[in-house]
Protein backbone atom coordinates (compact mmCIF):
# COMPACT_ATOMS: atom_id res chain seq x y z
CA MET A 1 -21.96 15.29 277.28
CA GLU A 2 -25.23 17.22 275.24
CA SER A 3 -25.45 20.96 275.17
CA TYR A 4 -28.63 22.35 276.44
CA LEU A 5 -29.48 23.59 272.94
CA ALA A 6 -30.11 20.21 271.56
CA PRO A 7 -33.60 19.54 272.58
CA ILE A 8 -34.31 23.64 272.35
CA LEU A 9 -33.08 23.53 268.93
CA ALA A 10 -34.77 20.67 267.67
CA ALA A 11 -38.06 21.91 268.56
CA HIS A 12 -37.70 24.96 267.12
CA ARG A 13 -35.95 23.63 263.93
CA ALA A 14 -39.29 21.19 263.67
CA ALA A 15 -41.44 24.09 264.48
CA ALA A 16 -39.62 25.61 260.99
CA ALA A 17 -40.24 23.21 259.14
CA THR A 18 -43.83 23.29 259.33
CA ASP A 19 -44.11 27.01 258.92
CA THR A 20 -46.05 27.36 255.39
CA ARG A 21 -46.15 30.82 254.81
CA ALA A 22 -44.55 32.61 251.92
CA LEU A 23 -41.38 34.49 252.92
CA GLY A 24 -41.51 37.27 250.18
CA PRO A 25 -44.59 39.04 251.56
CA LEU A 26 -43.43 38.34 254.87
CA VAL A 27 -40.12 39.81 254.04
CA GLU A 28 -41.74 43.03 252.25
CA ALA A 29 -43.93 43.31 255.37
CA ALA A 30 -40.76 43.73 258.02
CA ARG A 31 -39.27 45.74 255.47
CA ALA A 32 -41.80 48.29 255.33
CA ALA A 33 -42.25 48.12 259.55
CA PRO A 34 -41.54 51.28 261.20
CA PRO A 35 -37.66 52.34 261.73
CA ALA A 36 -35.93 50.38 264.20
CA ARG A 37 -34.55 52.03 267.24
CA GLY A 38 -30.68 51.48 267.04
CA PHE A 39 -29.96 48.80 269.63
CA ALA A 40 -26.39 48.58 268.90
CA ALA A 41 -25.89 52.01 268.66
CA ALA A 42 -27.73 52.57 272.09
CA LEU A 43 -25.24 50.19 273.61
CA ALA A 44 -22.03 52.12 272.03
CA ALA A 45 -23.67 55.59 273.32
CA ALA A 46 -23.74 53.88 276.73
CA ARG A 47 -20.31 53.27 277.05
CA ALA A 48 -19.00 56.30 274.69
CA ALA A 49 -21.32 58.32 277.68
CA GLY A 50 -18.52 56.58 280.29
CA ARG A 51 -20.76 54.26 281.75
CA LEU A 52 -21.66 50.08 281.14
CA GLY A 53 -24.25 49.45 279.17
CA VAL A 54 -27.21 47.06 280.44
CA VAL A 55 -29.62 44.84 278.77
CA ALA A 56 -32.18 43.67 281.15
CA GLU A 57 -34.05 40.91 280.37
CA VAL A 58 -37.68 40.05 280.71
CA LYS A 59 -36.95 36.19 281.68
CA ARG A 60 -39.75 34.22 283.34
CA ARG A 61 -37.57 31.07 283.55
CA SER A 62 -34.75 28.82 282.46
CA PRO A 63 -34.18 25.23 282.15
CA SER A 64 -31.26 25.05 284.15
CA ARG A 65 -33.22 27.25 287.43
CA GLY A 66 -36.78 26.82 286.46
CA ASP A 67 -39.23 29.44 287.75
CA LEU A 68 -37.44 32.69 288.36
CA ALA A 69 -40.07 35.15 288.06
CA PRO A 70 -43.52 33.45 286.35
CA GLY A 71 -45.82 36.46 287.46
CA LEU A 72 -43.89 39.22 286.18
CA ASP A 73 -45.66 42.11 284.21
CA PRO A 74 -43.56 42.36 280.93
CA ALA A 75 -44.62 46.17 280.86
CA VAL A 76 -43.81 46.86 284.53
CA LEU A 77 -40.33 45.60 284.61
CA ALA A 78 -39.69 46.66 281.32
CA LYS A 79 -40.88 50.23 282.82
CA ALA A 80 -38.60 49.58 285.85
CA PHE A 81 -35.61 48.98 283.83
CA ALA A 82 -35.87 51.97 281.98
CA VAL A 83 -36.13 53.80 284.89
CA GLY A 84 -32.93 52.55 286.75
CA GLY A 85 -31.22 53.48 282.91
CA ALA A 86 -31.50 50.56 280.75
CA ALA A 87 -29.38 51.14 277.36
CA ALA A 88 -32.05 48.26 275.96
CA VAL A 89 -34.51 45.61 277.01
CA SER A 90 -34.16 42.08 276.20
CA VAL A 91 -37.33 39.82 275.80
CA LEU A 92 -37.37 36.54 276.19
CA THR A 93 -40.11 34.91 273.40
CA ASP A 94 -39.66 31.51 273.84
CA GLU A 95 -42.52 29.54 274.80
CA ALA A 96 -41.78 26.34 275.42
CA PHE A 97 -38.72 26.37 277.56
CA PHE A 98 -38.45 29.74 278.74
CA GLY A 99 -42.34 30.71 279.43
CA GLY A 100 -41.92 33.51 276.95
CA SER A 101 -44.26 35.00 274.40
CA ALA A 102 -44.52 37.15 271.28
CA ALA A 103 -47.13 39.29 273.47
CA ASP A 104 -44.22 39.75 276.02
CA LEU A 105 -42.46 41.82 273.50
CA ALA A 106 -44.83 43.82 272.24
CA GLU A 107 -45.79 44.94 275.91
CA ALA A 108 -42.89 46.04 276.40
CA ARG A 109 -42.49 47.42 273.52
CA ALA A 110 -45.51 49.97 274.41
CA ALA A 111 -44.05 50.67 278.15
CA VAL A 112 -40.93 51.73 277.22
CA GLU A 113 -38.32 53.74 274.23
CA VAL A 114 -35.04 52.00 274.53
CA PRO A 115 -35.08 49.27 271.84
CA LEU A 116 -35.78 45.71 272.36
CA LEU A 117 -34.04 42.54 271.80
CA ARG A 118 -36.06 39.41 270.64
CA LYS A 119 -34.32 36.97 272.76
CA ASP A 120 -35.06 33.08 271.08
CA PHE A 121 -33.38 30.68 269.38
CA THR A 122 -33.45 32.32 265.73
CA VAL A 123 -32.87 29.00 263.10
CA SER A 124 -35.04 30.72 259.95
CA ALA A 125 -35.94 33.89 257.86
CA HIS A 126 -38.73 33.60 259.30
CA ASP A 127 -38.08 33.90 262.46
CA VAL A 128 -36.18 37.01 261.42
CA CYS A 129 -38.82 38.75 259.88
CA ASP A 130 -41.37 37.78 263.02
CA ALA A 131 -39.10 39.30 265.27
CA ARG A 132 -39.21 42.83 263.14
CA LEU A 133 -42.89 41.93 263.04
CA MET A 134 -43.50 41.94 266.65
CA GLY A 135 -41.59 45.13 267.55
CA ALA A 136 -37.79 44.16 268.50
CA ASP A 137 -35.02 46.06 267.19
CA ALA A 138 -32.41 43.25 267.34
CA VAL A 139 -32.67 39.73 266.93
CA LEU A 140 -30.39 37.16 268.32
CA LEU A 141 -28.22 34.92 266.26
CA ILE A 142 -26.56 31.73 268.53
CA ALA A 143 -23.24 30.86 266.32
CA ALA A 144 -23.22 27.33 267.69
CA ALA A 145 -27.16 26.62 266.64
CA LEU A 146 -26.17 27.81 263.13
CA ASP A 147 -23.81 26.62 260.38
CA ASP A 148 -22.01 29.44 258.21
CA ALA A 149 -24.39 30.06 255.80
CA GLU A 150 -27.40 30.23 258.20
CA LEU A 151 -25.65 32.89 259.96
CA THR A 152 -24.27 34.76 257.24
CA ASP A 153 -27.90 34.58 255.50
CA LEU A 154 -29.53 35.57 258.31
CA ALA A 155 -27.60 38.10 259.77
CA ALA A 156 -28.05 39.66 256.17
CA LEU A 157 -31.68 39.01 256.34
CA ALA A 158 -31.83 41.37 259.51
CA ALA A 159 -29.83 43.67 257.96
CA GLU A 160 -32.30 43.86 255.48
CA VAL A 161 -35.21 44.31 257.19
CA GLY A 162 -33.93 46.97 259.83
CA LEU A 163 -32.44 44.65 262.45
CA ASP A 164 -29.45 44.86 264.22
CA ALA A 165 -28.10 41.44 264.73
CA LEU A 166 -26.31 40.32 268.28
CA VAL A 167 -24.26 36.99 266.85
CA GLU A 168 -23.45 34.96 270.40
CA VAL A 169 -20.21 33.07 270.96
CA HIS A 170 -18.71 31.22 273.45
CA ASP A 171 -15.27 30.74 272.47
CA GLU A 172 -12.60 32.24 269.79
CA ALA A 173 -13.33 29.90 266.99
CA GLU A 174 -17.09 31.30 266.99
CA ALA A 175 -15.91 34.50 267.42
CA ASP A 176 -13.81 34.04 264.10
CA ARG A 177 -17.23 32.51 262.30
CA ALA A 178 -19.32 36.09 263.27
CA LEU A 179 -16.84 38.21 262.44
CA ALA A 180 -16.61 36.07 258.85
CA ALA A 181 -20.70 36.13 258.83
CA GLY A 182 -19.88 39.98 259.50
CA ALA A 183 -21.08 40.64 262.56
CA THR A 184 -20.24 44.05 264.55
CA LEU A 185 -22.36 43.70 267.31
CA VAL A 186 -21.04 40.26 269.50
CA GLY A 187 -22.40 38.55 272.21
CA VAL A 188 -19.98 36.61 274.76
CA ASN A 189 -22.01 34.38 276.74
CA GLN A 190 -19.86 33.26 279.58
CA ARG A 191 -21.60 30.16 280.31
CA ASP A 192 -20.33 26.30 278.88
CA LEU A 193 -23.16 25.49 277.05
CA ARG A 194 -22.68 21.58 278.37
CA THR A 195 -21.55 22.23 281.98
CA PHE A 196 -23.81 25.40 282.69
CA ALA A 197 -20.68 26.81 284.66
CA VAL A 198 -19.66 29.96 284.34
CA ASP A 199 -16.09 31.04 283.19
CA GLY A 200 -15.32 34.89 283.60
CA ALA A 201 -11.67 34.30 282.16
CA ARG A 202 -14.03 33.22 278.67
CA ALA A 203 -15.36 36.48 278.38
CA GLU A 204 -12.34 38.31 278.58
CA ARG A 205 -10.02 36.35 276.44
CA VAL A 206 -12.95 36.19 273.58
CA ALA A 207 -13.15 40.29 274.05
CA ALA A 208 -9.41 40.47 273.61
CA ALA A 209 -9.84 38.31 270.30
CA LEU A 210 -12.29 40.92 268.93
CA PRO A 211 -11.43 43.97 267.04
CA GLY A 212 -11.59 47.46 267.15
CA GLY A 213 -15.20 48.40 266.14
CA VAL A 214 -17.33 45.59 267.11
CA VAL A 215 -20.15 46.39 269.82
CA ARG A 216 -19.32 43.70 272.20
CA VAL A 217 -21.89 42.49 274.85
CA ALA A 218 -21.03 40.01 278.19
CA GLU A 219 -23.71 37.72 278.33
CA SER A 220 -24.42 34.92 281.63
CA GLY A 221 -23.59 34.63 284.99
CA VAL A 222 -23.21 38.08 285.65
CA ARG A 223 -24.38 38.89 289.21
CA GLY A 224 -23.82 42.08 290.47
CA PRO A 225 -21.95 45.57 290.28
CA ALA A 226 -18.24 43.30 290.56
CA ASP A 227 -19.05 41.20 287.63
CA ALA A 228 -19.93 44.46 285.98
CA ALA A 229 -16.69 45.97 286.96
CA ARG A 230 -14.82 43.59 285.81
CA LEU A 231 -16.51 43.39 282.08
CA ALA A 232 -16.45 46.95 281.43
CA ALA A 233 -12.32 46.48 282.21
CA ALA A 234 -12.40 44.09 279.87
CA GLY A 235 -14.01 46.37 277.11
CA TYR A 236 -17.12 45.47 276.74
CA HIS A 237 -20.38 48.02 275.59
CA ALA A 238 -22.88 46.19 277.74
CA VAL A 239 -23.91 43.65 279.90
CA LEU A 240 -26.89 41.40 279.10
CA VAL A 241 -28.66 40.67 282.68
CA GLY A 242 -31.62 38.41 283.23
CA GLU A 243 -31.92 36.33 286.18
CA TRP A 244 -30.12 38.21 288.51
CA LEU A 245 -32.42 41.61 287.82
CA VAL A 246 -35.65 39.64 287.38
CA THR A 247 -35.23 38.44 291.36
CA ARG A 248 -33.97 41.32 292.91
CA ALA A 249 -36.92 43.09 294.92
CA ASP A 250 -36.00 46.29 292.89
CA PRO A 251 -34.97 45.96 289.72
CA ALA A 252 -34.68 49.87 288.72
CA ALA A 253 -31.88 50.05 291.53
CA ALA A 254 -30.43 46.51 290.20
CA VAL A 255 -30.01 48.00 287.14
CA ALA A 256 -28.31 50.94 287.96
CA GLU A 257 -26.00 49.29 290.04
CA LEU A 258 -24.62 47.32 286.93
CA ALA A 259 -23.99 50.99 284.79
CA VAL A 260 -20.84 51.01 286.52
CA PRO A 261 -18.40 54.03 285.41
CA CYS A 262 -16.15 53.05 282.53
CA SER A 263 -13.86 54.80 280.68
């Protein structure tokens, strides 16, 4: 069975192959951007303060579920998330498959003070620099989408231009690859890439395999405070939640529900 990532990655790699911008000036511009807000530090601080961090996602649609909130206003939604106590905001910038854009991230950036993650399918150095230049504080690197050299090189470039790199993994083997690439911020996706099924036991198992000092984020399939509490007990610093939040009538209150106490 083909992974849902395959057509998305094919499209992004095709776009990267036609990007003729000189990389050197792009890196210099990214390095000269204003200081980032500290995405990983914000998640660690939330846990240290005794609550689960919430990375609340601005998400219009998904390939598996279709439209979720196609008419959302990124600034209004990001403000609601911040009012609810979100430690950070994730913004999908993929247009073709998720209906997002760089403009969504820019609008969220102008609206809130919390750190922002550019949620997209990063496949090139240009993508990393673009994330920094559009106002992100962190960039997503999906282990399943990158070989070892790409993962290492893109993580190093992210650090060079001042971005935190959230390295997404789906199992222990990918977690090992992430750690070998120097990752200190790891997202564990509970959703199977092929069946779309959510496996909470996977998140608990992979979290237990990560060493101390790694900031842990649970991704996908969080559908309320009970899931959040289970993941907090498993040692996660934060949960990244999109679908459940953008479909709530009161997203601020929904974020507050997920920020469960933790020790």
